Every structure is written in C-alpha cells, then in structure tokens.
Protein backbone atom coordinates (compact mmCIF):
# COMPACT_ATOMS: atom_id res chain seq x y z
CA MET A 1 24.44 -53.56 8.11
CA LYS A 2 25.07 -54.29 4.47
CA ARG A 3 24.39 -52.14 1.48
CA GLY A 4 20.79 -52.56 0.34
CA ASP A 5 19.46 -53.61 3.76
CA SER A 6 16.30 -51.75 4.69
CA VAL A 7 16.40 -49.47 7.67
CA LEU A 8 13.39 -49.53 9.94
CA ILE A 9 12.84 -46.85 12.53
CA ASP A 10 11.17 -47.81 15.75
CA GLU A 11 8.61 -45.05 16.36
CA ASP A 12 8.66 -45.74 20.11
CA GLN A 13 12.25 -44.50 20.25
CA ILE A 14 11.37 -41.13 18.75
CA GLU A 15 10.76 -38.65 21.56
CA THR A 16 9.18 -35.66 19.86
CA PRO A 17 8.41 -35.21 16.17
CA LEU A 18 10.00 -32.21 14.51
CA VAL A 19 6.84 -31.44 12.59
CA LYS A 20 3.38 -31.41 14.13
CA THR A 21 0.73 -33.24 12.18
CA GLU A 22 -2.26 -32.28 14.30
CA ILE A 23 -3.60 -28.79 14.79
CA VAL A 24 -4.02 -27.66 18.36
CA ASP A 25 -6.43 -24.77 18.76
CA PRO A 26 -5.72 -22.94 22.03
CA ASP A 27 -8.99 -20.95 21.80
CA TRP A 28 -7.52 -17.98 23.62
CA ILE A 29 -9.83 -15.63 21.72
CA ASP A 30 -12.88 -17.52 22.97
CA GLU A 31 -11.82 -16.76 26.52
CA LEU A 32 -12.10 -13.00 25.87
CA SER A 33 -15.34 -11.16 26.52
CA GLN A 34 -17.51 -10.13 23.56
CA THR A 35 -16.44 -6.50 23.98
CA LYS A 36 -12.74 -7.41 23.98
CA GLN A 37 -13.23 -9.64 20.94
CA LYS A 38 -14.89 -6.78 19.04
CA TRP A 39 -12.13 -4.30 19.97
CA LEU A 40 -9.48 -6.85 19.00
CA GLY A 41 -11.24 -7.31 15.66
CA VAL A 42 -11.38 -3.55 15.07
CA PHE A 43 -7.70 -3.17 16.00
CA LEU A 44 -6.65 -6.00 13.69
CA ALA A 45 -8.77 -4.57 10.84
CA VAL A 46 -7.15 -1.13 11.25
CA LEU A 47 -3.69 -2.70 11.44
CA SER A 48 -4.43 -4.76 8.33
CA GLY A 49 -5.61 -1.65 6.48
CA ALA A 50 -2.47 0.25 7.51
CA PHE A 51 -0.24 -2.57 6.26
CA TYR A 52 -2.30 -2.82 3.08
CA GLY A 53 -1.81 0.88 2.40
CA MET A 54 1.89 0.76 3.20
CA ASN A 55 2.30 -2.15 0.81
CA PHE A 56 1.78 0.03 -2.26
CA LEU A 57 3.07 3.35 -0.95
CA PRO A 58 6.87 2.97 -1.38
CA ILE A 59 6.76 2.06 -5.06
CA THR A 60 4.13 4.69 -5.86
CA LEU A 61 6.14 7.43 -4.10
CA ALA A 62 9.35 6.31 -5.82
CA VAL A 63 7.68 6.64 -9.23
CA GLU A 64 6.11 10.01 -8.38
CA GLN A 65 9.44 11.40 -7.14
CA LYS A 66 11.22 10.03 -10.24
CA ILE A 67 13.49 7.75 -8.19
CA ILE A 68 12.52 4.85 -10.42
CA ALA A 69 11.17 5.06 -13.96
CA SER A 70 8.33 2.54 -13.72
CA HIS A 71 6.30 0.70 -11.12
CA MET A 72 7.81 -2.56 -12.37
CA ASP A 73 11.31 -1.34 -11.42
CA GLY A 74 10.43 -1.67 -7.75
CA VAL A 75 9.40 -5.32 -7.84
CA LEU A 76 12.70 -6.94 -6.83
CA SER A 77 13.24 -4.62 -3.86
CA HIS A 78 9.64 -5.02 -2.72
CA PHE A 79 9.67 -8.82 -2.91
CA SER A 80 13.09 -8.91 -1.21
CA GLY A 81 11.66 -6.80 1.60
CA VAL A 82 8.73 -9.19 1.98
CA LEU A 83 11.11 -12.16 2.14
CA ILE A 84 13.39 -10.49 4.71
CA ALA A 85 10.42 -9.46 6.85
CA GLN A 86 8.94 -12.96 6.85
CA LEU A 87 12.28 -14.58 7.65
CA SER A 88 12.83 -12.09 10.49
CA ILE A 89 9.39 -12.79 11.93
CA PHE A 90 10.00 -16.54 11.73
CA ILE A 91 13.40 -16.21 13.44
CA VAL A 92 11.92 -14.15 16.28
CA TYR A 93 9.09 -16.71 16.60
CA SER A 94 11.59 -19.58 16.65
CA VAL A 95 13.65 -17.89 19.36
CA TYR A 96 10.47 -17.24 21.36
CA ARG A 97 9.49 -20.92 21.02
CA LYS A 98 13.03 -21.98 22.04
CA SER A 99 13.86 -23.49 18.62
CA LYS A 100 10.71 -25.62 18.60
CA PRO A 101 8.27 -23.74 16.34
CA ASP A 102 4.90 -25.27 15.49
CA LEU A 103 5.07 -26.40 11.87
CA TYR A 104 2.12 -27.89 10.02
CA PRO A 105 3.04 -29.80 6.84
CA SER A 106 -0.52 -29.63 5.52
CA ALA A 107 -0.24 -25.83 5.41
CA VAL A 108 2.98 -25.61 3.38
CA ILE A 109 1.55 -26.11 -0.14
CA PRO A 110 -1.49 -23.86 0.44
CA ALA A 111 0.81 -21.18 1.85
CA MET A 112 3.07 -21.40 -1.20
CA ILE A 113 0.08 -21.19 -3.54
CA THR A 114 -1.26 -18.20 -1.61
CA GLY A 115 2.09 -16.42 -1.78
CA THR A 116 2.42 -17.09 -5.49
CA THR A 117 -1.11 -15.86 -6.11
CA TRP A 118 -0.38 -12.68 -4.14
CA ALA A 119 2.84 -12.11 -6.10
CA VAL A 120 1.07 -12.50 -9.46
CA ALA A 121 -1.75 -10.21 -8.35
CA PHE A 122 0.75 -7.62 -7.11
CA LEU A 123 2.64 -7.72 -10.42
CA CYS A 124 -0.64 -7.31 -12.32
CA TRP A 125 -1.55 -4.33 -10.14
CA LEU A 126 1.81 -2.70 -10.73
CA TYR A 127 1.49 -3.22 -14.48
CA ALA A 128 -2.07 -1.86 -14.56
CA ASN A 129 -1.02 1.04 -12.36
CA SER A 130 1.79 1.99 -14.72
CA ILE A 131 -0.69 2.08 -17.62
CA LEU A 132 -3.86 3.52 -16.04
CA GLY A 133 -2.65 5.35 -12.92
CA GLU A 134 -3.65 5.07 -9.25
CA ALA A 135 -7.01 6.80 -9.63
CA PHE A 136 -8.31 3.99 -11.82
CA THR A 137 -6.55 0.90 -10.54
CA PHE A 138 -6.98 1.40 -6.80
CA PRO A 139 -10.82 1.29 -6.74
CA ILE A 140 -10.72 -1.86 -8.85
CA LEU A 141 -8.02 -3.36 -6.65
CA ALA A 142 -9.96 -2.60 -3.48
CA THR A 143 -13.29 -3.90 -4.81
CA ALA A 144 -12.54 -7.00 -6.90
CA PRO A 145 -11.05 -9.19 -4.13
CA SER A 146 -13.97 -8.39 -1.82
CA VAL A 147 -16.54 -9.39 -4.42
CA LEU A 148 -14.60 -12.52 -5.32
CA GLY A 149 -14.24 -13.49 -1.65
CA CYS A 150 -17.96 -12.96 -1.10
CA VAL A 151 -18.91 -15.11 -4.07
CA VAL A 152 -16.46 -17.89 -3.18
CA GLY A 153 -17.55 -17.83 0.46
CA ILE A 154 -21.22 -18.14 -0.40
CA TYR A 155 -21.00 -20.52 -3.35
CA PHE A 156 -18.17 -22.90 -2.39
CA PHE A 157 -17.96 -22.74 1.40
CA LYS A 158 -21.65 -22.11 2.15
CA GLU A 159 -20.72 -19.43 4.71
CA VAL A 160 -24.10 -17.75 4.30
CA SER A 161 -27.28 -19.75 3.82
CA ASP A 162 -29.92 -17.18 4.79
CA LYS A 163 -31.84 -16.10 1.66
CA LYS A 164 -32.04 -12.44 2.74
CA SER A 165 -28.28 -12.27 3.37
CA ILE A 166 -27.53 -13.87 0.01
CA ILE A 167 -29.78 -11.35 -1.76
CA LEU A 168 -28.04 -8.47 0.04
CA ALA A 169 -24.64 -9.92 -0.90
CA VAL A 170 -25.71 -10.20 -4.55
CA ILE A 171 -26.99 -6.60 -4.55
CA GLY A 172 -23.75 -5.40 -2.93
CA SER A 173 -21.62 -7.37 -5.37
CA LEU A 174 -23.55 -6.06 -8.38
CA THR A 175 -23.20 -2.51 -7.05
CA CYS A 176 -19.44 -3.00 -6.69
CA ILE A 177 -19.18 -4.49 -10.18
CA ALA A 178 -21.15 -1.55 -11.59
CA GLY A 179 -18.75 0.83 -9.83
CA VAL A 180 -15.73 -0.98 -11.27
CA ILE A 181 -17.27 -0.84 -14.77
CA CYS A 182 -18.02 2.88 -14.42
CA THR A 183 -14.49 3.53 -13.17
CA SER A 184 -13.03 1.54 -16.06
CA PHE A 185 -14.96 3.45 -18.70
CA SER A 186 -14.60 6.87 -17.10
CA ARG A 187 -11.26 7.50 -18.73
C-alpha cells in the first residue's frame, strides 16, 4: 500500500460494532403489573426527591457553618463530585456489561447539552442563593422548572391534547407564577 491510497473497510469482516446505532427497548417495565409499576414510580420519585435535596445540602451547610465564605466557593468541589460519581457509575456498568456497554451516538450531544444546561442553572441558583437566601430562591427553583416543563410538553411535544387538561395546566401554571411573583416581592 502506497501513501495516498484509499483504505476501504469491508463491513462483512467487522464482527460487532463498538457503538450501537439502534435503540433496543427491552420493555421490562411493561411486563410488571400496574400495581408494581405504580410502586416503582413512587419509589423512583422519592429517590429522585432525596437526591435533589442532597444536591444542594452540602454547599448550603458549608456556608451556614462558615466552612466556606460563599455558595460560589463550593462549585469546583461539587462539580468534581458529580464527575467522579458519573465516572464510577459508568465503570461499574461497564464491568457489569463485561466491557461492552451500550453506547448510543445520537444521545451524546443531547446529553452534553443537558449537562451544560444543568451546570449553568446550578451556578445561577448558587449566585441567587448567595444574594437572596434559601427562603426566596428555593420556592422559585422548585416551581420554575415544573412550569417550564409543563408548557414545553404541551406546546412543543403535544403531550396533552384534552382541552380540560390544558385549562387545568394553565390555571396551575398561572398559580405557580403568581406564587413566584409574590415570593419575589415579599422581601
């Protein structure tokens, strides 16, 4: 082979691709009974809430106990902890899958965008928290993503098409927005 010759790969000689391009849905949840699905959903919601609460707790306690001067001083350690946790989970998953993890290239860019969005939102929360305090920022933080998710789900993804449900969602969203406005001006 000379320099500049093109190299063609015969796809028939490739045994298994390293990266999966198709999504295989095992549907293991569909095999559960309705009762088990509901209990699994409740458990995952409680677990998610516990992780959500623990996400903000270390930095808030460190500021309250005067270990660090500002909420922003805890950013590097928090983000490093997130990175180490994710790498550890991926390593355990890779060992479990015997060094053949399922990787989906179409999910890489959306995952990076999601992580970047979370990081920016977390930094904004820390900054707002250092200025306003937890009593004002936490209700806004807990409400705004829910309202935004509801609006995006209805408007862009057409998740709800029933007129009554849309009206209830609008009333709920307006109530939440009114609560956020009242909280903002209560100081």
